[in-house]
Amino acid sequence: MRLVLATLIFCSSGFGAVAQQWDDLQRMKMATQLGSLLGSEEACGLSFNHEAVTRFIDTKVPEDDMEFTSMLSTMTGGTSYDLESMPKSQKVAHCRQIERVARSHGFIE
């Protein structure tokens, strides 16, 4: 019985750590994806609704996430830089999908 109880405690604490790592990964994924979107705005000739971006952040990003903004900045700058040397057809495809994603989140109408 003690072995079963010890196993359950060990497994539940292990699952908690895995769940936390999963949450952290999802938040970093969100920062990466939003950074790509925001970093594409100007190069793709788009203009995002700042209130919609604010609502998105308020809904999707925890208030205490101190890592989000640094990852967002890294991805935003990296995307802007990549777009400068992107082949034309790739840029067309990239910008088309960025526009579609931005529209789906209400960033543009």
PDB file of N, CA and C in Angstrom:
ATOM      1  N   MET A   1       0.820  -1.194   0.000  1.00  0.00           N
ATOM      2  CA  MET A   1       0.000   0.000   0.000  1.00  0.00           C
ATOM      3  C   MET A   1       0.868   1.264   0.000  1.00  0.00           C
ATOM      4  N   ARG A   2       1.922   1.259   0.805  1.00  0.00           N
ATOM      5  CA  ARG A   2       2.813   2.418   0.869  1.00  0.00           C
ATOM      6  C   ARG A   2       3.499   2.639  -0.477  1.00  0.00           C
ATOM      7  N   LEU A   3       3.854   1.553  -1.121  1.00  0.00           N
ATOM      8  CA  LEU A   3       4.507   1.652  -2.424  1.00  0.00           C
ATOM      9  C   LEU A   3       3.565   2.288  -3.440  1.00  0.00           C
ATOM     10  N   VAL A   4       2.304   1.896  -3.414  1.00  0.00           N
ATOM     11  CA  VAL A   4       1.311   2.468  -4.327  1.00  0.00           C
ATOM     12  C   VAL A   4       1.140   3.952  -4.043  1.00  0.00           C
ATOM     13  N   LEU A   5       1.038   4.314  -2.788  1.00  0.00           N
ATOM     14  CA  LEU A   5       0.879   5.711  -2.402  1.00  0.00           C
ATOM     15  C   LEU A   5       2.110   6.523  -2.809  1.00  0.00           C
ATOM     16  N   ALA A   6       3.299   6.003  -2.564  1.00  0.00           N
ATOM     17  CA  ALA A   6       4.525   6.698  -2.944  1.00  0.00           C
ATOM     18  C   ALA A   6       4.599   6.876  -4.460  1.00  0.00           C
ATOM     19  N   THR A   7       4.197   5.855  -5.191  1.00  0.00           N
ATOM     20  CA  THR A   7       4.195   5.931  -6.651  1.00  0.00           C
ATOM     21  C   THR A   7       3.222   6.998  -7.133  1.00  0.00           C
ATOM     22  N   LEU A   8       2.045   7.048  -6.538  1.00  0.00           N
ATOM     23  CA  LEU A   8       1.054   8.062  -6.914  1.00  0.00           C
ATOM     24  C   LEU A   8       1.556   9.468  -6.629  1.00  0.00           C
ATOM     25  N   ILE A   9       2.185   9.659  -5.496  1.00  0.00           N
ATOM     26  CA  ILE A   9       2.712  10.983  -5.148  1.00  0.00           C
ATOM     27  C   ILE A   9       3.813  11.373  -6.127  1.00  0.00           C
ATOM     28  N   PHE A  10       4.721  10.437  -6.416  1.00  0.00           N
ATOM     29  CA  PHE A  10       5.806  10.709  -7.347  1.00  0.00           C
ATOM     30  C   PHE A  10       5.261  11.048  -8.732  1.00  0.00           C
ATOM     31  N   CYS A  11       4.318  10.258  -9.190  1.00  0.00           N
ATOM     32  CA  CYS A  11       3.752  10.480 -10.526  1.00  0.00           C
ATOM     33  C   CYS A  11       2.997  11.798 -10.597  1.00  0.00           C
ATOM     34  N   SER A  12       2.244  12.111  -9.560  1.00  0.00           N
ATOM     35  CA  SER A  12       1.479  13.355  -9.603  1.00  0.00           C
ATOM     36  C   SER A  12       2.399  14.566  -9.582  1.00  0.00           C
ATOM     37  N   SER A  13       3.490  14.492  -8.831  1.00  0.00           N
ATOM     38  CA  SER A  13       4.420  15.619  -8.845  1.00  0.00           C
ATOM     39  C   SER A  13       5.148  15.689 -10.179  1.00  0.00           C
ATOM     40  N   GLY A  14       5.436  14.561 -10.772  1.00  0.00           N
ATOM     41  CA  GLY A  14       6.060  14.532 -12.088  1.00  0.00           C
ATOM     42  C   GLY A  14       5.146  15.100 -13.146  1.00  0.00           C
ATOM     43  N   PHE A  15       3.876  14.765 -13.102  1.00  0.00           N
ATOM     44  CA  PHE A  15       2.916  15.288 -14.065  1.00  0.00           C
ATOM     45  C   PHE A  15       2.739  16.789 -13.905  1.00  0.00           C
ATOM     46  N   GLY A  16       2.826  17.273 -12.666  1.00  0.00           N
ATOM     47  CA  GLY A  16       2.733  18.706 -12.433  1.00  0.00           C
ATOM     48  C   GLY A  16       3.879  19.449 -13.099  1.00  0.00           C
ATOM     49  N   ALA A  17       5.079  18.867 -13.007  1.00  0.00           N
ATOM     50  CA  ALA A  17       6.245  19.494 -13.646  1.00  0.00           C
ATOM     51  C   ALA A  17       6.108  19.468 -15.158  1.00  0.00           C
ATOM     52  N   VAL A  18       5.612  18.365 -15.677  1.00  0.00           N
ATOM     53  CA  VAL A  18       5.405  18.254 -17.123  1.00  0.00           C
ATOM     54  C   VAL A  18       4.344  19.253 -17.576  1.00  0.00           C
ATOM     55  N   ALA A  19       3.280  19.382 -16.794  1.00  0.00           N
ATOM     56  CA  ALA A  19       2.220  20.333 -17.136  1.00  0.00           C
ATOM     57  C   ALA A  19       2.761  21.766 -17.135  1.00  0.00           C
ATOM     58  N   GLN A  20       3.621  22.086 -16.171  1.00  0.00           N
ATOM     59  CA  GLN A  20       4.214  23.425 -16.108  1.00  0.00           C
ATOM     60  C   GLN A  20       5.107  23.665 -17.317  1.00  0.00           C
ATOM     61  N   GLN A  21       5.898  22.660 -17.685  1.00  0.00           N
ATOM     62  CA  GLN A  21       6.765  22.794 -18.863  1.00  0.00           C
ATOM     63  C   GLN A  21       5.927  22.988 -20.122  1.00  0.00           C
ATOM     64  N   TRP A  22       4.803  22.276 -20.204  1.00  0.00           N
ATOM     65  CA  TRP A  22       3.903  22.415 -21.348  1.00  0.00           C
ATOM     66  C   TRP A  22       3.342  23.835 -21.418  1.00  0.00           C
ATOM     67  N   ASP A  23       2.913  24.367 -20.276  1.00  0.00           N
ATOM     68  CA  ASP A  23       2.396  25.742 -20.226  1.00  0.00           C
ATOM     69  C   ASP A  23       3.463  26.744 -20.645  1.00  0.00           C
ATOM     70  N   ASP A  24       4.693  26.549 -20.155  1.00  0.00           N
ATOM     71  CA  ASP A  24       5.796  27.435 -20.526  1.00  0.00           C
ATOM     72  C   ASP A  24       6.055  27.377 -22.026  1.00  0.00           C
ATOM     73  N   LEU A  25       6.032  26.187 -22.571  1.00  0.00           N
ATOM     74  CA  LEU A  25       6.245  26.006 -24.008  1.00  0.00           C
ATOM     75  C   LEU A  25       5.153  26.702 -24.812  1.00  0.00           C
ATOM     76  N   GLN A  26       3.923  26.589 -24.378  1.00  0.00           N
ATOM     77  CA  GLN A  26       2.812  27.227 -25.080  1.00  0.00           C
ATOM     78  C   GLN A  26       2.923  28.750 -25.042  1.00  0.00           C
ATOM     79  N   ARG A  27       3.360  29.297 -23.906  1.00  0.00           N
ATOM     80  CA  ARG A  27       3.528  30.751 -23.805  1.00  0.00           C
ATOM     81  C   ARG A  27       4.660  31.234 -24.710  1.00  0.00           C
ATOM     82  N   MET A  28       5.742  30.478 -24.778  1.00  0.00           N
ATOM     83  CA  MET A  28       6.847  30.856 -25.660  1.00  0.00           C
ATOM     84  C   MET A  28       6.428  30.723 -27.130  1.00  0.00           C
ATOM     85  N   LYS A  29       5.622  29.727 -27.415  1.00  0.00           N
ATOM     86  CA  LYS A  29       5.098  29.561 -28.772  1.00  0.00           C
ATOM     87  C   LYS A  29       4.228  30.761 -29.139  1.00  0.00           C
ATOM     88  N   MET A  30       3.413  31.207 -28.219  1.00  0.00           N
ATOM     89  CA  MET A  30       2.559  32.365 -28.452  1.00  0.00           C
ATOM     90  C   MET A  30       3.398  33.613 -28.724  1.00  0.00           C
ATOM     91  N   ALA A  31       4.443  33.828 -27.940  1.00  0.00           N
ATOM     92  CA  ALA A  31       5.316  34.985 -28.142  1.00  0.00           C
ATOM     93  C   ALA A  31       6.017  34.900 -29.491  1.00  0.00           C
ATOM     94  N   THR A  32       6.448  33.713 -29.860  1.00  0.00           N
ATOM     95  CA  THR A  32       7.123  33.512 -31.139  1.00  0.00           C
ATOM     96  C   THR A  32       6.186  33.812 -32.302  1.00  0.00           C
ATOM     97  N   GLN A  33       4.993  33.274 -32.228  1.00  0.00           N
ATOM     98  CA  GLN A  33       4.040  33.468 -33.319  1.00  0.00           C
ATOM     99  C   GLN A  33       3.559  34.914 -33.409  1.00  0.00           C
ATOM    100  N   LEU A  34       3.273  35.529 -32.280  1.00  0.00           N
ATOM    101  CA  LEU A  34       2.841  36.921 -32.301  1.00  0.00           C
ATOM    102  C   LEU A  34       3.979  37.821 -32.766  1.00  0.00           C
ATOM    103  N   GLY A  35       5.208  37.516 -32.368  1.00  0.00           N
ATOM    104  CA  GLY A  35       6.359  38.283 -32.828  1.00  0.00           C
ATOM    105  C   GLY A  35       6.519  38.222 -34.330  1.00  0.00           C
ATOM    106  N   SER A  36       6.286  37.055 -34.898  1.00  0.00           N
ATOM    107  CA  SER A  36       6.349  36.911 -36.353  1.00  0.00           C
ATOM    108  C   SER A  36       5.270  37.749 -37.019  1.00  0.00           C
ATOM    109  N   LEU A  37       4.098  37.737 -36.449  1.00  0.00           N
ATOM    110  CA  LEU A  37       2.982  38.512 -36.990  1.00  0.00           C
ATOM    111  C   LEU A  37       3.272  40.013 -36.922  1.00  0.00           C
ATOM    112  N   LEU A  38       3.675  40.485 -35.750  1.00  0.00           N
ATOM    113  CA  LEU A  38       3.927  41.915 -35.572  1.00  0.00           C
ATOM    114  C   LEU A  38       5.150  42.375 -36.362  1.00  0.00           C
ATOM    115  N   GLY A  39       6.149  41.518 -36.463  1.00  0.00           N
ATOM    116  CA  GLY A  39       7.343  41.859 -37.215  1.00  0.00           C
ATOM    117  C   GLY A  39       7.096  41.948 -38.710  1.00  0.00           C
ATOM    118  N   SER A  40       5.993  41.419 -39.160  1.00  0.00           N
ATOM    119  CA  SER A  40       5.642  41.430 -40.585  1.00  0.00           C
ATOM    120  C   SER A  40       4.755  42.599 -40.966  1.00  0.00           C
ATOM    121  N   GLU A  41       4.198  43.268 -39.997  1.00  0.00           N
ATOM    122  CA  GLU A  41       3.195  44.307 -40.250  1.00  0.00           C
ATOM    123  C   GLU A  41       3.652  45.325 -41.294  1.00  0.00           C
ATOM    124  N   GLU A  42       4.739  45.988 -41.049  1.00  0.00           N
ATOM    125  CA  GLU A  42       5.189  47.063 -41.932  1.00  0.00           C
ATOM    126  C   GLU A  42       5.658  46.525 -43.286  1.00  0.00           C
ATOM    127  N   ALA A  43       6.470  45.476 -43.263  1.00  0.00           N
ATOM    128  CA  ALA A  43       7.020  44.927 -44.513  1.00  0.00           C
ATOM    129  C   ALA A  43       5.927  44.386 -45.427  1.00  0.00           C
ATOM    130  N   CYS A  44       4.823  43.971 -44.835  1.00  0.00           N
ATOM    131  CA  CYS A  44       3.707  43.434 -45.623  1.00  0.00           C
ATOM    132  C   CYS A  44       2.673  44.505 -45.969  1.00  0.00           C
ATOM    133  N   GLY A  45       2.938  45.753 -45.576  1.00  0.00           N
ATOM    134  CA  GLY A  45       2.032  46.841 -45.912  1.00  0.00           C
ATOM    135  C   GLY A  45       0.728  46.795 -45.155  1.00  0.00           C
ATOM    136  N   LEU A  46       0.770  46.265 -43.941  1.00  0.00           N
ATOM    137  CA  LEU A  46      -0.433  46.145 -43.129  1.00  0.00           C
ATOM    138  C   LEU A  46      -0.415  47.177 -42.010  1.00  0.00           C
ATOM    139  N   SER A  47      -1.573  47.411 -41.438  1.00  0.00           N
ATOM    140  CA  SER A  47      -1.692  48.299 -40.289  1.00  0.00           C
ATOM    141  C   SER A  47      -2.638  47.632 -39.294  1.00  0.00           C
ATOM    142  N   PHE A  48      -2.093  47.241 -38.165  1.00  0.00           N
ATOM    143  CA  PHE A  48      -2.881  46.506 -37.182  1.00  0.00           C
ATOM    144  C   PHE A  48      -3.615  47.445 -36.230  1.00  0.00           C
ATOM    145  N   ASN A  49      -4.775  47.011 -35.814  1.00  0.00           N
ATOM    146  CA  ASN A  49      -5.574  47.712 -34.821  1.00  0.00           C
ATOM    147  C   ASN A  49      -4.938  47.470 -33.453  1.00  0.00           C
ATOM    148  N   HIS A  50      -4.418  48.515 -32.834  1.00  0.00           N
ATOM    149  CA  HIS A  50      -3.709  48.361 -31.569  1.00  0.00           C
ATOM    150  C   HIS A  50      -4.619  47.895 -30.441  1.00  0.00           C
ATOM    151  N   GLU A  51      -5.871  48.279 -30.482  1.00  0.00           N
ATOM    152  CA  GLU A  51      -6.814  47.806 -29.460  1.00  0.00           C
ATOM    153  C   GLU A  51      -7.024  46.306 -29.574  1.00  0.00           C
ATOM    154  N   ALA A  52      -7.065  45.785 -30.795  1.00  0.00           N
ATOM    155  CA  ALA A  52      -7.214  44.342 -31.003  1.00  0.00           C
ATOM    156  C   ALA A  52      -5.980  43.590 -30.516  1.00  0.00           C
ATOM    157  N   VAL A  53      -4.805  44.163 -30.752  1.00  0.00           N
ATOM    158  CA  VAL A  53      -3.566  43.537 -30.262  1.00  0.00           C
ATOM    159  C   VAL A  53      -3.577  43.521 -28.736  1.00  0.00           C
ATOM    160  N   THR A  54      -4.002  44.615 -28.130  1.00  0.00           N
ATOM    161  CA  THR A  54      -4.095  44.702 -26.667  1.00  0.00           C
ATOM    162  C   THR A  54      -5.049  43.649 -26.114  1.00  0.00           C
ATOM    163  N   ARG A  55      -6.203  43.511 -26.737  1.00  0.00           N
ATOM    164  CA  ARG A  55      -7.176  42.498 -26.291  1.00  0.00           C
ATOM    165  C   ARG A  55      -6.592  41.094 -26.414  1.00  0.00           C
ATOM    166  N   PHE A  56      -5.880  40.847 -27.503  1.00  0.00           N
ATOM    167  CA  PHE A  56      -5.251  39.548 -27.713  1.00  0.00           C
ATOM    168  C   PHE A  56      -4.277  39.242 -26.573  1.00  0.00           C
ATOM    169  N   ILE A  57      -3.421  40.211 -26.246  1.00  0.00           N
ATOM    170  CA  ILE A  57      -2.451  40.040 -25.153  1.00  0.00           C
ATOM    171  C   ILE A  57      -3.183  39.796 -23.838  1.00  0.00           C
ATOM    172  N   ASP A  58      -4.192  40.610 -23.553  1.00  0.00           N
ATOM    173  CA  ASP A  58      -4.932  40.474 -22.296  1.00  0.00           C
ATOM    174  C   ASP A  58      -5.600  39.109 -22.174  1.00  0.00           C
ATOM    175  N   THR A  59      -6.009  38.561 -23.284  1.00  0.00           N
ATOM    176  CA  THR A  59      -6.704  37.267 -23.287  1.00  0.00           C
ATOM    177  C   THR A  59      -5.744  36.082 -23.256  1.00  0.00           C
ATOM    178  N   LYS A  60      -4.640  36.185 -23.958  1.00  0.00           N
ATOM    179  CA  LYS A  60      -3.766  35.025 -24.186  1.00  0.00           C
ATOM    180  C   LYS A  60      -2.523  34.957 -23.311  1.00  0.00           C
ATOM    181  N   VAL A  61      -2.075  36.076 -22.754  1.00  0.00           N
ATOM    182  CA  VAL A  61      -0.799  36.094 -22.035  1.00  0.00           C
ATOM    183  C   VAL A  61      -1.040  36.357 -20.548  1.00  0.00           C
ATOM    184  N   PRO A  62      -0.558  35.473 -19.684  1.00  0.00           N
ATOM    185  CA  PRO A  62      -0.717  35.690 -18.247  1.00  0.00           C
ATOM    186  C   PRO A  62      -0.042  36.994 -17.801  1.00  0.00           C
ATOM    187  N   GLU A  63      -0.647  37.658 -16.845  1.00  0.00           N
ATOM    188  CA  GLU A  63      -0.144  38.936 -16.349  1.00  0.00           C
ATOM    189  C   GLU A  63       1.280  38.850 -15.813  1.00  0.00           C
ATOM    190  N   ASP A  64       1.632  37.718 -15.231  1.00  0.00           N
ATOM    191  CA  ASP A  64       2.935  37.597 -14.573  1.00  0.00           C
ATOM    192  C   ASP A  64       4.015  36.993 -15.469  1.00  0.00           C
ATOM    193  N   ASP A  65       3.770  36.888 -16.743  1.00  0.00           N
ATOM    194  CA  ASP A  65       4.736  36.278 -17.665  1.00  0.00           C
ATOM    195  C   ASP A  65       5.808  37.296 -18.053  1.00  0.00           C
ATOM    196  N   MET A  66       6.929  37.240 -17.361  1.00  0.00           N
ATOM    197  CA  MET A  66       8.014  38.190 -17.601  1.00  0.00           C
ATOM    198  C   MET A  66       8.870  37.808 -18.807  1.00  0.00           C
ATOM    199  N   GLU A  67       8.766  36.598 -19.302  1.00  0.00           N
ATOM    200  CA  GLU A  67       9.563  36.146 -20.437  1.00  0.00           C
ATOM    201  C   GLU A  67       8.921  36.508 -21.779  1.00  0.00           C
ATOM    202  N   PHE A  68       7.641  36.754 -21.772  1.00  0.00           N
ATOM    203  CA  PHE A  68       6.904  36.964 -23.014  1.00  0.00           C
ATOM    204  C   PHE A  68       7.466  38.121 -23.837  1.00  0.00           C
ATOM    205  N   THR A  69       7.689  39.266 -23.208  1.00  0.00           N
ATOM    206  CA  THR A  69       8.086  40.446 -23.972  1.00  0.00           C
ATOM    207  C   THR A  69       9.472  40.307 -24.593  1.00  0.00           C
ATOM    208  N   SER A  70      10.406  39.660 -23.897  1.00  0.00           N
ATOM    209  CA  SER A  70      11.730  39.498 -24.489  1.00  0.00           C
ATOM    210  C   SER A  70      11.684  38.555 -25.684  1.00  0.00           C
ATOM    211  N   MET A  71      10.925  37.484 -25.589  1.00  0.00           N
ATOM    212  CA  MET A  71      10.785  36.571 -26.725  1.00  0.00           C
ATOM    213  C   MET A  71      10.043  37.264 -27.865  1.00  0.00           C
ATOM    214  N   LEU A  72       9.026  38.032 -27.537  1.00  0.00           N
ATOM    215  CA  LEU A  72       8.278  38.790 -28.549  1.00  0.00           C
ATOM    216  C   LEU A  72       9.207  39.758 -29.288  1.00  0.00           C
ATOM    217  N   SER A  73      10.036  40.481 -28.548  1.00  0.00           N
ATOM    218  CA  SER A  73      10.967  41.424 -29.162  1.00  0.00           C
ATOM    219  C   SER A  73      11.970  40.714 -30.064  1.00  0.00           C
ATOM    220  N   THR A  74      12.489  39.604 -29.604  1.00  0.00           N
ATOM    221  CA  THR A  74      13.441  38.830 -30.406  1.00  0.00           C
ATOM    222  C   THR A  74      12.811  38.387 -31.716  1.00  0.00           C
ATOM    223  N   MET A  75      11.615  37.878 -31.643  1.00  0.00           N
ATOM    224  CA  MET A  75      10.944  37.381 -32.845  1.00  0.00           C
ATOM    225  C   MET A  75      10.497  38.513 -33.763  1.00  0.00           C
ATOM    226  N   THR A  76      10.044  39.610 -33.192  1.00  0.00           N
ATOM    227  CA  THR A  76       9.624  40.746 -34.009  1.00  0.00           C
ATOM    228  C   THR A  76      10.805  41.289 -34.811  1.00  0.00           C
ATOM    229  N   GLY A  77      11.919  41.512 -34.134  1.00  0.00           N
ATOM    230  CA  GLY A  77      13.114  42.003 -34.814  1.00  0.00           C
ATOM    231  C   GLY A  77      13.657  41.011 -35.826  1.00  0.00           C
ATOM    232  N   GLY A  78      13.669  39.750 -35.463  1.00  0.00           N
ATOM    233  CA  GLY A  78      14.163  38.715 -36.371  1.00  0.00           C
ATOM    234  C   GLY A  78      13.320  38.603 -37.624  1.00  0.00           C
ATOM    235  N   THR A  79      12.020  38.696 -37.469  1.00  0.00           N
ATOM    236  CA  THR A  79      11.130  38.616 -38.622  1.00  0.00           C
ATOM    237  C   THR A  79      11.329  39.807 -39.539  1.00  0.00           C
ATOM    238  N   SER A  80      11.415  40.998 -38.958  1.00  0.00           N
ATOM    239  CA  SER A  80      11.659  42.207 -39.765  1.00  0.00           C
ATOM    240  C   SER A  80      12.951  42.062 -40.561  1.00  0.00           C
ATOM    241  N   TYR A  81      13.980  41.580 -39.921  1.00  0.00           N
ATOM    242  CA  TYR A  81      15.277  41.386 -40.567  1.00  0.00           C
ATOM    243  C   TYR A  81      15.171  40.351 -41.695  1.00  0.00           C
ATOM    244  N   ASP A  82      14.539  39.221 -41.431  1.00  0.00           N
ATOM    245  CA  ASP A  82      14.388  38.164 -42.435  1.00  0.00           C
ATOM    246  C   ASP A  82      13.624  38.651 -43.665  1.00  0.00           C
ATOM    247  N   LEU A  83      12.622  39.463 -43.448  1.00  0.00           N
ATOM    248  CA  LEU A  83      11.808  39.939 -44.565  1.00  0.00           C
ATOM    249  C   LEU A  83      12.588  40.829 -45.523  1.00  0.00           C
ATOM    250  N   GLU A  84      13.625  41.497 -45.043  1.00  0.00           N
ATOM    251  CA  GLU A  84      14.431  42.374 -45.895  1.00  0.00           C
ATOM    252  C   GLU A  84      15.126  41.610 -47.018  1.00  0.00           C
ATOM    253  N   SER A  85      15.509  40.374 -46.752  1.00  0.00           N
ATOM    254  CA  SER A  85      16.245  39.600 -47.755  1.00  0.00           C
ATOM    255  C   SER A  85      15.443  38.411 -48.292  1.00  0.00           C
ATOM    256  N   MET A  86      14.187  38.362 -47.974  1.00  0.00           N
ATOM    257  CA  MET A  86      13.348  37.246 -48.402  1.00  0.00           C
ATOM    258  C   MET A  86      13.074  37.329 -49.906  1.00  0.00           C
ATOM    259  N   PRO A  87      13.195  36.221 -50.623  1.00  0.00           N
ATOM    260  CA  PRO A  87      12.841  36.226 -52.045  1.00  0.00           C
ATOM    261  C   PRO A  87      11.387  36.671 -52.228  1.00  0.00           C
ATOM    262  N   LYS A  88      11.124  37.328 -53.341  1.00  0.00           N
ATOM    263  CA  LYS A  88       9.821  37.957 -53.579  1.00  0.00           C
ATOM    264  C   LYS A  88       8.650  36.986 -53.443  1.00  0.00           C
ATOM    265  N   SER A  89       8.737  35.824 -54.051  1.00  0.00           N
ATOM    266  CA  SER A  89       7.621  34.860 -53.975  1.00  0.00           C
ATOM    267  C   SER A  89       7.393  34.371 -52.553  1.00  0.00           C
ATOM    268  N   GLN A  90       8.491  34.159 -51.835  1.00  0.00           N
ATOM    269  CA  GLN A  90       8.358  33.746 -50.441  1.00  0.00           C
ATOM    270  C   GLN A  90       7.705  34.850 -49.624  1.00  0.00           C
ATOM    271  N   LYS A  91       8.102  36.090 -49.883  1.00  0.00           N
ATOM    272  CA  LYS A  91       7.529  37.227 -49.155  1.00  0.00           C
ATOM    273  C   LYS A  91       6.043  37.369 -49.464  1.00  0.00           C
ATOM    274  N   VAL A  92       5.665  37.163 -50.714  1.00  0.00           N
ATOM    275  CA  VAL A  92       4.247  37.223 -51.086  1.00  0.00           C
ATOM    276  C   VAL A  92       3.461  36.171 -50.302  1.00  0.00           C
ATOM    277  N   ALA A  93       3.980  34.955 -50.272  1.00  0.00           N
ATOM    278  CA  ALA A  93       3.299  33.878 -49.538  1.00  0.00           C
ATOM    279  C   ALA A  93       3.257  34.183 -48.041  1.00  0.00           C
ATOM    280  N   HIS A  94       4.375  34.638 -47.517  1.00  0.00           N
ATOM    281  CA  HIS A  94       4.453  34.974 -46.093  1.00  0.00           C
ATOM    282  C   HIS A  94       3.431  36.052 -45.736  1.00  0.00           C
ATOM    283  N   CYS A  95       3.448  37.127 -46.514  1.00  0.00           N
ATOM    284  CA  CYS A  95       2.553  38.250 -46.224  1.00  0.00           C
ATOM    285  C   CYS A  95       1.085  37.868 -46.387  1.00  0.00           C
ATOM    286  N   ARG A  96       0.802  37.008 -47.335  1.00  0.00           N
ATOM    287  CA  ARG A  96      -0.590  36.578 -47.520  1.00  0.00           C
ATOM    288  C   ARG A  96      -1.086  35.851 -46.279  1.00  0.00           C
ATOM    289  N   GLN A  97      -0.264  34.940 -45.770  1.00  0.00           N
ATOM    290  CA  GLN A  97      -0.691  34.196 -44.584  1.00  0.00           C
ATOM    291  C   GLN A  97      -0.728  35.097 -43.355  1.00  0.00           C
ATOM    292  N   ILE A  98       0.216  36.005 -43.249  1.00  0.00           N
ATOM    293  CA  ILE A  98       0.208  36.953 -42.128  1.00  0.00           C
ATOM    294  C   ILE A  98      -1.082  37.765 -42.147  1.00  0.00           C
ATOM    295  N   GLU A  99      -1.476  38.224 -43.331  1.00  0.00           N
ATOM    296  CA  GLU A  99      -2.717  38.988 -43.451  1.00  0.00           C
ATOM    297  C   GLU A  99      -3.917  38.154 -43.025  1.00  0.00           C
ATOM    298  N   ARG A 100      -3.946  36.906 -43.445  1.00  0.00           N
ATOM    299  CA  ARG A 100      -5.069  36.030 -43.089  1.00  0.00           C
ATOM    300  C   ARG A 100      -5.139  35.784 -41.584  1.00  0.00           C
ATOM    301  N   VAL A 101      -3.977  35.538 -40.964  1.00  0.00           N
ATOM    302  CA  VAL A 101      -3.938  35.310 -39.522  1.00  0.00           C
ATOM    303  C   VAL A 101      -4.345  36.583 -38.780  1.00  0.00           C
ATOM    304  N   ALA A 102      -3.803  37.711 -39.203  1.00  0.00           N
ATOM    305  CA  ALA A 102      -4.127  38.994 -38.550  1.00  0.00           C
ATOM    306  C   ALA A 102      -5.616  39.275 -38.645  1.00  0.00           C
ATOM    307  N   ARG A 103      -6.187  39.005 -39.805  1.00  0.00           N
ATOM    308  CA  ARG A 103      -7.625  39.218 -39.991  1.00  0.00           C
ATOM    309  C   ARG A 103      -8.429  38.275 -39.085  1.00  0.00           C
ATOM    310  N   SER A 104      -8.000  37.042 -38.970  1.00  0.00           N
ATOM    311  CA  SER A 104      -8.733  36.067 -38.139  1.00  0.00           C
ATOM    312  C   SER A 104      -8.753  36.462 -36.670  1.00  0.00           C
ATOM    313  N   HIS A 105      -7.730  37.201 -36.225  1.00  0.00           N
ATOM    314  CA  HIS A 105      -7.673  37.655 -34.834  1.00  0.00           C
ATOM    315  C   HIS A 105      -8.213  39.073 -34.662  1.00  0.00           C
ATOM    316  N   GLY A 106      -8.743  39.652 -35.733  1.00  0.00           N
ATOM    317  CA  GLY A 106      -9.324  40.976 -35.645  1.00  0.00           C
ATOM    318  C   GLY A 106      -8.306  42.106 -35.630  1.00  0.00           C
ATOM    319  N   PHE A 107      -7.056  41.818 -35.990  1.00  0.00           N
ATOM    320  CA  PHE A 107      -6.030  42.861 -36.017  1.00  0.00           C
ATOM    321  C   PHE A 107      -6.241  43.811 -37.190  1.00  0.00           C
ATOM    322  N   ILE A 108      -6.804  43.296 -38.281  1.00  0.00           N
ATOM    323  CA  ILE A 108      -7.182  44.119 -39.433  1.00  0.00           C
ATOM    324  C   ILE A 108      -8.581  43.713 -39.836  1.00  0.00           C
ATOM    325  N   GLU A 109      -9.262  44.625 -40.503  1.00  0.00           N
ATOM    326  CA  GLU A 109     -10.643  44.339 -40.917  1.00  0.00           C
ATOM    327  C   GLU A 109     -10.750  44.267 -42.419  1.00  0.00           C
TER     328      GLU A 109
END
